[in-house]
């Protein structure tokens, strides 16, 4: 059985694990490789979250009953806050 948990409610160790596992997030703290290329219209991509803490607070993770991120989960579900606008 698994559960959905907000990243900010994970243990500190699991938060660190989430940051290491999900490297495609675009925050002001973490810019993934895909964001280094311009958008099709030539403009730059904007950060989707103000910080990694903001990303954790707005992202749901599948966890096991003991509160660890499930190894079966291949994605998480985020709601971007768009601190710089879309």
PDB file of N, CA and C in Angstrom:
ATOM      1  N   UNK A   1       0.844  -1.176   0.000  1.00  0.00           N
ATOM      2  CA  UNK A   1       0.000   0.000   0.000  1.00  0.00           C
ATOM      3  C   UNK A   1       0.893   1.244   0.000  1.00  0.00           C
ATOM      4  N   UNK A   2       0.456   2.279  -0.689  1.00  0.00           N
ATOM      5  CA  UNK A   2       1.225   3.517  -0.733  1.00  0.00           C
ATOM      6  C   UNK A   2       0.287   4.698  -0.482  1.00  0.00           C
ATOM      7  N   UNK A   3       0.888   5.831  -0.174  1.00  0.00           N
ATOM      8  CA  UNK A   3       0.163   7.047   0.171  1.00  0.00           C
ATOM      9  C   UNK A   3       0.776   8.222  -0.571  1.00  0.00           C
ATOM     10  N   UNK A   4       0.019   9.303  -0.688  1.00  0.00           N
ATOM     11  CA  UNK A   4       0.528  10.546  -1.250  1.00  0.00           C
ATOM     12  C   UNK A   4       0.848  11.492  -0.099  1.00  0.00           C
ATOM     13  N   UNK A   5       2.051  12.054  -0.117  1.00  0.00           N
ATOM     14  CA  UNK A   5       2.487  12.960   0.942  1.00  0.00           C
ATOM     15  C   UNK A   5       3.142  14.183   0.302  1.00  0.00           C
ATOM     16  N   UNK A   6       2.832  15.355   0.837  1.00  0.00           N
ATOM     17  CA  UNK A   6       3.465  16.595   0.391  1.00  0.00           C
ATOM     18  C   UNK A   6       4.948  16.544   0.775  1.00  0.00           C
ATOM     19  N   UNK A   7       5.801  17.000  -0.117  1.00  0.00           N
ATOM     20  CA  UNK A   7       7.239  16.952   0.116  1.00  0.00           C
ATOM     21  C   UNK A   7       7.684  17.645   1.387  1.00  0.00           C
ATOM     22  N   UNK A   8       7.031  18.741   1.743  1.00  0.00           N
ATOM     23  CA  UNK A   8       7.406  19.453   2.962  1.00  0.00           C
ATOM     24  C   UNK A   8       7.063  18.657   4.218  1.00  0.00           C
ATOM     25  N   UNK A   9       6.227  17.616   4.089  1.00  0.00           N
ATOM     26  CA  UNK A   9       5.873  16.760   5.219  1.00  0.00           C
ATOM     27  C   UNK A   9       6.752  15.515   5.320  1.00  0.00           C
ATOM     28  N   UNK A  10       7.633  15.320   4.354  1.00  0.00           N
ATOM     29  CA  UNK A  10       8.575  14.201   4.417  1.00  0.00           C
ATOM     30  C   UNK A  10       9.620  14.470   5.497  1.00  0.00           C
ATOM     31  N   UNK A  11      10.273  13.424   5.970  1.00  0.00           N
ATOM     32  CA  UNK A  11      11.389  13.615   6.900  1.00  0.00           C
ATOM     33  C   UNK A  11      12.504  14.366   6.166  1.00  0.00           C
ATOM     34  N   UNK A  12      13.398  14.980   6.896  1.00  0.00           N
ATOM     35  CA  UNK A  12      14.517  15.706   6.266  1.00  0.00           C
ATOM     36  C   UNK A  12      15.321  14.779   5.368  1.00  0.00           C
ATOM     37  N   UNK A  13      15.550  13.545   5.820  1.00  0.00           N
ATOM     38  CA  UNK A  13      16.310  12.583   5.010  1.00  0.00           C
ATOM     39  C   UNK A  13      15.582  12.282   3.697  1.00  0.00           C
ATOM     40  N   UNK A  14      14.262  12.138   3.740  1.00  0.00           N
ATOM     41  CA  UNK A  14      13.492  11.868   2.528  1.00  0.00           C
ATOM     42  C   UNK A  14      13.411  13.095   1.630  1.00  0.00           C
ATOM     43  N   UNK A  15      13.420  14.285   2.212  1.00  0.00           N
ATOM     44  CA  UNK A  15      13.473  15.503   1.392  1.00  0.00           C
ATOM     45  C   UNK A  15      14.776  15.550   0.602  1.00  0.00           C
ATOM     46  N   UNK A  16      15.871  15.236   1.255  1.00  0.00           N
ATOM     47  CA  UNK A  16      17.172  15.201   0.561  1.00  0.00           C
ATOM     48  C   UNK A  16      17.135  14.153  -0.543  1.00  0.00           C
ATOM     49  N   UNK A  17      16.551  13.013  -0.245  1.00  0.00           N
ATOM     50  CA  UNK A  17      16.434  11.942  -1.244  1.00  0.00           C
ATOM     51  C   UNK A  17      15.572  12.401  -2.424  1.00  0.00           C
ATOM     52  N   UNK A  18      14.479  13.099  -2.157  1.00  0.00           N
ATOM     53  CA  UNK A  18      13.605  13.597  -3.225  1.00  0.00           C
ATOM     54  C   UNK A  18      14.364  14.564  -4.131  1.00  0.00           C
ATOM     55  N   UNK A  19      15.152  15.453  -3.536  1.00  0.00           N
ATOM     56  CA  UNK A  19      15.926  16.415  -4.329  1.00  0.00           C
ATOM     57  C   UNK A  19      16.941  15.696  -5.220  1.00  0.00           C
ATOM     58  N   UNK A  20      17.494  14.599  -4.730  1.00  0.00           N
ATOM     59  CA  UNK A  20      18.458  13.830  -5.519  1.00  0.00           C
ATOM     60  C   UNK A  20      17.778  12.998  -6.606  1.00  0.00           C
ATOM     61  N   UNK A  21      16.586  12.517  -6.319  1.00  0.00           N
ATOM     62  CA  UNK A  21      15.872  11.652  -7.268  1.00  0.00           C
ATOM     63  C   UNK A  21      15.245  12.426  -8.424  1.00  0.00           C
ATOM     64  N   UNK A  22      14.678  13.588  -8.130  1.00  0.00           N
ATOM     65  CA  UNK A  22      13.898  14.329  -9.122  1.00  0.00           C
ATOM     66  C   UNK A  22      14.686  15.554  -9.574  1.00  0.00           C
ATOM     67  N   UNK A  23      15.575  15.337 -10.511  1.00  0.00           N
ATOM     68  CA  UNK A  23      16.547  16.353 -10.917  1.00  0.00           C
ATOM     69  C   UNK A  23      16.045  17.260 -12.036  1.00  0.00           C
ATOM     70  N   UNK A  24      14.838  17.048 -12.504  1.00  0.00           N
ATOM     71  CA  UNK A  24      14.328  17.868 -13.606  1.00  0.00           C
ATOM     72  C   UNK A  24      13.508  19.055 -13.129  1.00  0.00           C
ATOM     73  N   UNK A  25      13.404  19.239 -11.802  1.00  0.00           N
ATOM     74  CA  UNK A  25      12.681  20.396 -11.272  1.00  0.00           C
ATOM     75  C   UNK A  25      13.460  21.670 -11.624  1.00  0.00           C
ATOM     76  N   UNK A  26      12.743  22.775 -11.821  1.00  0.00           N
ATOM     77  CA  UNK A  26      13.405  24.052 -12.109  1.00  0.00           C
ATOM     78  C   UNK A  26      13.016  25.027 -11.016  1.00  0.00           C
ATOM     79  N   UNK A  27      13.942  25.247 -10.103  1.00  0.00           N
ATOM     80  CA  UNK A  27      13.762  26.199  -9.014  1.00  0.00           C
ATOM     81  C   UNK A  27      14.882  27.229  -9.098  1.00  0.00           C
ATOM     82  N   UNK A  28      14.778  28.267  -8.313  1.00  0.00           N
ATOM     83  CA  UNK A  28      15.882  29.234  -8.269  1.00  0.00           C
ATOM     84  C   UNK A  28      17.119  28.618  -7.625  1.00  0.00           C
ATOM     85  N   UNK A  29      16.944  27.502  -6.902  1.00  0.00           N
ATOM     86  CA  UNK A  29      18.069  26.784  -6.294  1.00  0.00           C
ATOM     87  C   UNK A  29      18.664  25.741  -7.233  1.00  0.00           C
ATOM     88  N   UNK A  30      17.867  25.250  -8.183  1.00  0.00           N
ATOM     89  CA  UNK A  30      18.286  24.138  -9.038  1.00  0.00           C
ATOM     90  C   UNK A  30      17.806  24.365 -10.470  1.00  0.00           C
ATOM     91  N   UNK A  31      18.740  24.534 -11.373  1.00  0.00           N
ATOM     92  CA  UNK A  31      18.398  24.713 -12.784  1.00  0.00           C
ATOM     93  C   UNK A  31      18.820  23.460 -13.547  1.00  0.00           C
ATOM     94  N   UNK A  32      17.858  22.702 -14.070  1.00  0.00           N
ATOM     95  CA  UNK A  32      18.177  21.480 -14.802  1.00  0.00           C
ATOM     96  C   UNK A  32      18.745  21.789 -16.187  1.00  0.00           C
ATOM     97  N   UNK A  33      19.386  20.807 -16.769  1.00  0.00           N
ATOM     98  CA  UNK A  33      20.029  20.983 -18.076  1.00  0.00           C
ATOM     99  C   UNK A  33      19.037  21.440 -19.146  1.00  0.00           C
ATOM    100  N   UNK A  34      17.805  20.924 -19.114  1.00  0.00           N
ATOM    101  CA  UNK A  34      16.845  21.287 -20.165  1.00  0.00           C
ATOM    102  C   UNK A  34      16.544  22.778 -20.167  1.00  0.00           C
ATOM    103  N   UNK A  35      16.685  23.450 -19.032  1.00  0.00           N
ATOM    104  CA  UNK A  35      16.362  24.879 -18.941  1.00  0.00           C
ATOM    105  C   UNK A  35      17.480  25.770 -19.483  1.00  0.00           C
ATOM    106  N   UNK A  36      18.618  25.182 -19.812  1.00  0.00           N
ATOM    107  CA  UNK A  36      19.727  25.963 -20.368  1.00  0.00           C
ATOM    108  C   UNK A  36      19.534  26.269 -21.843  1.00  0.00           C
ATOM    109  N   UNK A  37      18.662  25.528 -22.498  1.00  0.00           N
ATOM    110  CA  UNK A  37      18.378  25.766 -23.915  1.00  0.00           C
ATOM    111  C   UNK A  37      17.202  26.731 -24.007  1.00  0.00           C
ATOM    112  N   UNK A  38      17.189  27.585 -25.020  1.00  0.00           N
ATOM    113  CA  UNK A  38      16.054  28.510 -25.163  1.00  0.00           C
ATOM    114  C   UNK A  38      14.781  27.767 -25.558  1.00  0.00           C
ATOM    115  N   UNK A  39      13.650  28.391 -25.250  1.00  0.00           N
ATOM    116  CA  UNK A  39      12.355  27.873 -25.676  1.00  0.00           C
ATOM    117  C   UNK A  39      12.275  27.973 -27.194  1.00  0.00           C
ATOM    118  N   UNK A  40      11.316  27.296 -27.811  1.00  0.00           N
ATOM    119  CA  UNK A  40      11.179  27.364 -29.268  1.00  0.00           C
ATOM    120  C   UNK A  40      11.080  28.786 -29.822  1.00  0.00           C
ATOM    121  N   UNK A  41      10.535  29.717 -29.012  1.00  0.00           N
ATOM    122  CA  UNK A  41      10.414  31.100 -29.490  1.00  0.00           C
ATOM    123  C   UNK A  41      11.667  31.928 -29.206  1.00  0.00           C
ATOM    124  N   UNK A  42      12.720  31.275 -28.650  1.00  0.00           N
ATOM    125  CA  UNK A  42      13.988  31.953 -28.402  1.00  0.00           C
ATOM    126  C   UNK A  42      14.139  32.560 -27.021  1.00  0.00           C
ATOM    127  N   UNK A  43      13.063  32.621 -26.244  1.00  0.00           N
ATOM    128  CA  UNK A  43      13.141  33.185 -24.899  1.00  0.00           C
ATOM    129  C   UNK A  43      13.628  32.124 -23.904  1.00  0.00           C
ATOM    130  N   UNK A  44      14.031  32.574 -22.746  1.00  0.00           N
ATOM    131  CA  UNK A  44      14.501  31.669 -21.697  1.00  0.00           C
ATOM    132  C   UNK A  44      13.328  31.099 -20.915  1.00  0.00           C
ATOM    133  N   UNK A  45      13.527  29.894 -20.412  1.00  0.00           N
ATOM    134  CA  UNK A  45      12.538  29.316 -19.503  1.00  0.00           C
ATOM    135  C   UNK A  45      12.617  30.048 -18.169  1.00  0.00           C
ATOM    136  N   UNK A  46      11.495  30.161 -17.475  1.00  0.00           N
ATOM    137  CA  UNK A  46      11.459  30.791 -16.155  1.00  0.00           C
ATOM    138  C   UNK A  46      11.351  29.713 -15.088  1.00  0.00           C
ATOM    139  N   UNK A  47      11.916  30.004 -13.925  1.00  0.00           N
ATOM    140  CA  UNK A  47      11.846  29.056 -12.814  1.00  0.00           C
ATOM    141  C   UNK A  47      10.387  28.748 -12.486  1.00  0.00           C
ATOM    142  N   UNK A  48      10.123  27.483 -12.199  1.00  0.00           N
ATOM    143  CA  UNK A  48       8.774  27.059 -11.864  1.00  0.00           C
ATOM    144  C   UNK A  48       8.473  27.212 -10.371  1.00  0.00           C
ATOM    145  N   UNK A  49       9.542  27.279  -9.559  1.00  0.00           N
ATOM    146  CA  UNK A  49       9.413  27.396  -8.106  1.00  0.00           C
ATOM    147  C   UNK A  49      10.460  28.361  -7.581  1.00  0.00           C
ATOM    148  N   UNK A  50      10.148  29.050  -6.489  1.00  0.00           N
ATOM    149  CA  UNK A  50      11.070  30.021  -5.904  1.00  0.00           C
ATOM    150  C   UNK A  50      12.305  29.357  -5.310  1.00  0.00           C
ATOM    151  N   UNK A  51      12.160  28.156  -4.799  1.00  0.00           N
ATOM    152  CA  UNK A  51      13.276  27.460  -4.142  1.00  0.00           C
ATOM    153  C   UNK A  51      12.975  25.971  -4.115  1.00  0.00           C
ATOM    154  N   UNK A  52      13.956  25.185  -3.699  1.00  0.00           N
ATOM    155  CA  UNK A  52      13.699  23.756  -3.526  1.00  0.00           C
ATOM    156  C   UNK A  52      12.667  23.526  -2.427  1.00  0.00           C
ATOM    157  N   UNK A  53      12.680  24.356  -1.390  1.00  0.00           N
ATOM    158  CA  UNK A  53      11.684  24.237  -0.327  1.00  0.00           C
ATOM    159  C   UNK A  53      10.278  24.511  -0.878  1.00  0.00           C
ATOM    160  N   UNK A  54      10.148  25.484  -1.769  1.00  0.00           N
ATOM    161  CA  UNK A  54       8.874  25.794  -2.414  1.00  0.00           C
ATOM    162  C   UNK A  54       8.427  24.610  -3.264  1.00  0.00           C
ATOM    163  N   UNK A  55       9.361  24.003  -3.983  1.00  0.00           N
ATOM    164  CA  UNK A  55       9.047  22.814  -4.791  1.00  0.00           C
ATOM    165  C   UNK A  55       8.524  21.693  -3.897  1.00  0.00           C
ATOM    166  N   UNK A  56       9.213  21.423  -2.794  1.00  0.00           N
ATOM    167  CA  UNK A  56       8.775  20.372  -1.875  1.00  0.00           C
ATOM    168  C   UNK A  56       7.378  20.672  -1.329  1.00  0.00           C
ATOM    169  N   UNK A  57       7.113  21.929  -1.007  1.00  0.00           N
ATOM    170  CA  UNK A  57       5.820  22.314  -0.440  1.00  0.00           C
ATOM    171  C   UNK A  57       4.669  22.178  -1.436  1.00  0.00           C
ATOM    172  N   UNK A  58       4.991  22.164  -2.721  1.00  0.00           N
ATOM    173  CA  UNK A  58       3.961  22.100  -3.757  1.00  0.00           C
ATOM    174  C   UNK A  58       4.065  20.842  -4.615  1.00  0.00           C
ATOM    175  N   UNK A  59       4.658  19.793  -4.047  1.00  0.00           N
ATOM    176  CA  UNK A  59       4.828  18.537  -4.774  1.00  0.00           C
ATOM    177  C   UNK A  59       4.384  17.372  -3.909  1.00  0.00           C
ATOM    178  N   UNK A  60       3.624  16.473  -4.524  1.00  0.00           N
ATOM    179  CA  UNK A  60       3.148  15.271  -3.839  1.00  0.00           C
ATOM    180  C   UNK A  60       3.983  14.070  -4.275  1.00  0.00           C
ATOM    181  N   UNK A  61       4.329  13.236  -3.295  1.00  0.00           N
ATOM    182  CA  UNK A  61       5.142  12.052  -3.533  1.00  0.00           C
ATOM    183  C   UNK A  61       4.397  10.806  -3.074  1.00  0.00           C
ATOM    184  N   UNK A  62       4.613   9.714  -3.768  1.00  0.00           N
ATOM    185  CA  UNK A  62       4.081   8.432  -3.330  1.00  0.00           C
ATOM    186  C   UNK A  62       5.064   7.854  -2.327  1.00  0.00           C
ATOM    187  N   UNK A  63       4.566   7.539  -1.144  1.00  0.00           N
ATOM    188  CA  UNK A  63       5.421   7.004  -0.087  1.00  0.00           C
ATOM    189  C   UNK A  63       4.879   5.680   0.421  1.00  0.00           C
ATOM    190  N   UNK A  64       5.756   4.929   1.037  1.00  0.00           N
ATOM    191  CA  UNK A  64       5.396   3.663   1.660  1.00  0.00           C
ATOM    192  C   UNK A  64       4.810   3.939   3.037  1.00  0.00           C
ATOM    193  N   UNK A  65       4.192   2.942   3.675  1.00  0.00           N
ATOM    194  CA  UNK A  65       3.613   3.166   5.008  1.00  0.00           C
ATOM    195  C   UNK A  65       4.603   3.690   6.050  1.00  0.00           C
ATOM    196  N   UNK A  66       5.895   3.430   5.857  1.00  0.00           N
ATOM    197  CA  UNK A  66       6.881   3.937   6.821  1.00  0.00           C
ATOM    198  C   UNK A  66       7.390   5.335   6.469  1.00  0.00           C
ATOM    199  N   UNK A  67       6.781   5.987   5.451  1.00  0.00           N
ATOM    200  CA  UNK A  67       7.097   7.373   5.127  1.00  0.00           C
ATOM    201  C   UNK A  67       8.249   7.594   4.163  1.00  0.00           C
ATOM    202  N   UNK A  68       8.738   6.529   3.555  1.00  0.00           N
ATOM    203  CA  UNK A  68       9.823   6.680   2.575  1.00  0.00           C
ATOM    204  C   UNK A  68       9.250   6.769   1.168  1.00  0.00           C
ATOM    205  N   UNK A  69       9.922   7.513   0.310  1.00  0.00           N
ATOM    206  CA  UNK A  69       9.482   7.620  -1.082  1.00  0.00           C
ATOM    207  C   UNK A  69       9.517   6.233  -1.698  1.00  0.00           C
ATOM    208  N   UNK A  70       8.438   5.856  -2.331  1.00  0.00           N
ATOM    209  CA  UNK A  70       8.325   4.533  -2.931  1.00  0.00           C
ATOM    210  C   UNK A  70       9.325   4.374  -4.073  1.00  0.00           C
ATOM    211  N   UNK A  71      10.011   3.241  -4.099  1.00  0.00           N
ATOM    212  CA  UNK A  71      10.945   2.965  -5.194  1.00  0.00           C
ATOM    213  C   UNK A  71      10.194   2.625  -6.473  1.00  0.00           C
ATOM    214  N   UNK A  72       8.915   2.342  -6.360  1.00  0.00           N
ATOM    215  CA  UNK A  72       8.088   2.055  -7.540  1.00  0.00           C
ATOM    216  C   UNK A  72       7.624   3.332  -8.235  1.00  0.00           C
ATOM    217  N   UNK A  73       7.598   4.429  -7.508  1.00  0.00           N
ATOM    218  CA  UNK A  73       7.139   5.703  -8.074  1.00  0.00           C
ATOM    219  C   UNK A  73       8.193   6.259  -9.020  1.00  0.00           C
ATOM    220  N   UNK A  74       7.777   6.554 -10.226  1.00  0.00           N
ATOM    221  CA  UNK A  74       8.704   7.102 -11.204  1.00  0.00           C
ATOM    222  C   UNK A  74       8.454   8.579 -11.462  1.00  0.00           C
ATOM    223  N   UNK A  75       7.484   9.144 -10.803  1.00  0.00           N
ATOM    224  CA  UNK A  75       7.198  10.566 -10.963  1.00  0.00           C
ATOM    225  C   UNK A  75       6.588  11.113  -9.681  1.00  0.00           C
ATOM    226  N   UNK A  76       6.543  12.418  -9.606  1.00  0.00           N
ATOM    227  CA  UNK A  76       5.876  13.120  -8.516  1.00  0.00           C
ATOM    228  C   UNK A  76       4.936  14.124  -9.182  1.00  0.00           C
ATOM    229  N   UNK A  77       4.017  14.688  -8.417  1.00  0.00           N
ATOM    230  CA  UNK A  77       3.033  15.610  -8.984  1.00  0.00           C
ATOM    231  C   UNK A  77       3.197  16.988  -8.369  1.00  0.00           C
ATOM    232  N   UNK A  78       3.597  17.950  -9.198  1.00  0.00           N
ATOM    233  CA  UNK A  78       3.876  19.306  -8.729  1.00  0.00           C
ATOM    234  C   UNK A  78       2.851  20.309  -9.235  1.00  0.00           C
ATOM    235  N   UNK A  79       2.688  21.371  -8.457  1.00  0.00           N
ATOM    236  CA  UNK A  79       1.859  22.522  -8.854  1.00  0.00           C
ATOM    237  C   UNK A  79       2.769  23.748  -8.830  1.00  0.00           C
ATOM    238  N   UNK A  80       3.328  24.135  -9.983  1.00  0.00           N
ATOM    239  CA  UNK A  80       4.267  25.260 -10.022  1.00  0.00           C
ATOM    240  C   UNK A  80       3.683  26.551  -9.466  1.00  0.00           C
ATOM    241  N   UNK A  81       4.533  27.332  -8.815  1.00  0.00           N
ATOM    242  CA  UNK A  81       4.131  28.613  -8.250  1.00  0.00           C
ATOM    243  C   UNK A  81       4.533  29.786  -9.154  1.00  0.00           C
ATOM    244  N   UNK A  82       5.365  29.539 -10.144  1.00  0.00           N
ATOM    245  CA  UNK A  82       5.773  30.538 -11.139  1.00  0.00           C
ATOM    246  C   UNK A  82       6.166  31.884 -10.500  1.00  0.00           C
ATOM    247  N   UNK A  83       7.231  31.917  -9.696  1.00  0.00           N
ATOM    248  CA  UNK A  83       7.611  33.162  -9.023  1.00  0.00           C
ATOM    249  C   UNK A  83       8.021  34.294  -9.963  1.00  0.00           C
ATOM    250  N   UNK A  84       8.387  33.964 -11.193  1.00  0.00           N
ATOM    251  CA  UNK A  84       8.798  34.982 -12.175  1.00  0.00           C
ATOM    252  C   UNK A  84       7.747  35.173 -13.247  1.00  0.00           C
ATOM    253  N   UNK A  85       6.576  34.590 -13.046  1.00  0.00           N
ATOM    254  CA  UNK A  85       5.525  34.617 -14.054  1.00  0.00           C
ATOM    255  C   UNK A  85       5.725  33.495 -15.047  1.00  0.00           C
ATOM    256  N   UNK A  86       4.731  33.276 -15.845  1.00  0.00           N
ATOM    257  CA  UNK A  86       4.817  32.186 -16.829  1.00  0.00           C
ATOM    258  C   UNK A  86       5.536  32.694 -18.016  1.00  0.00           C
TER     259      UNK A  86
END
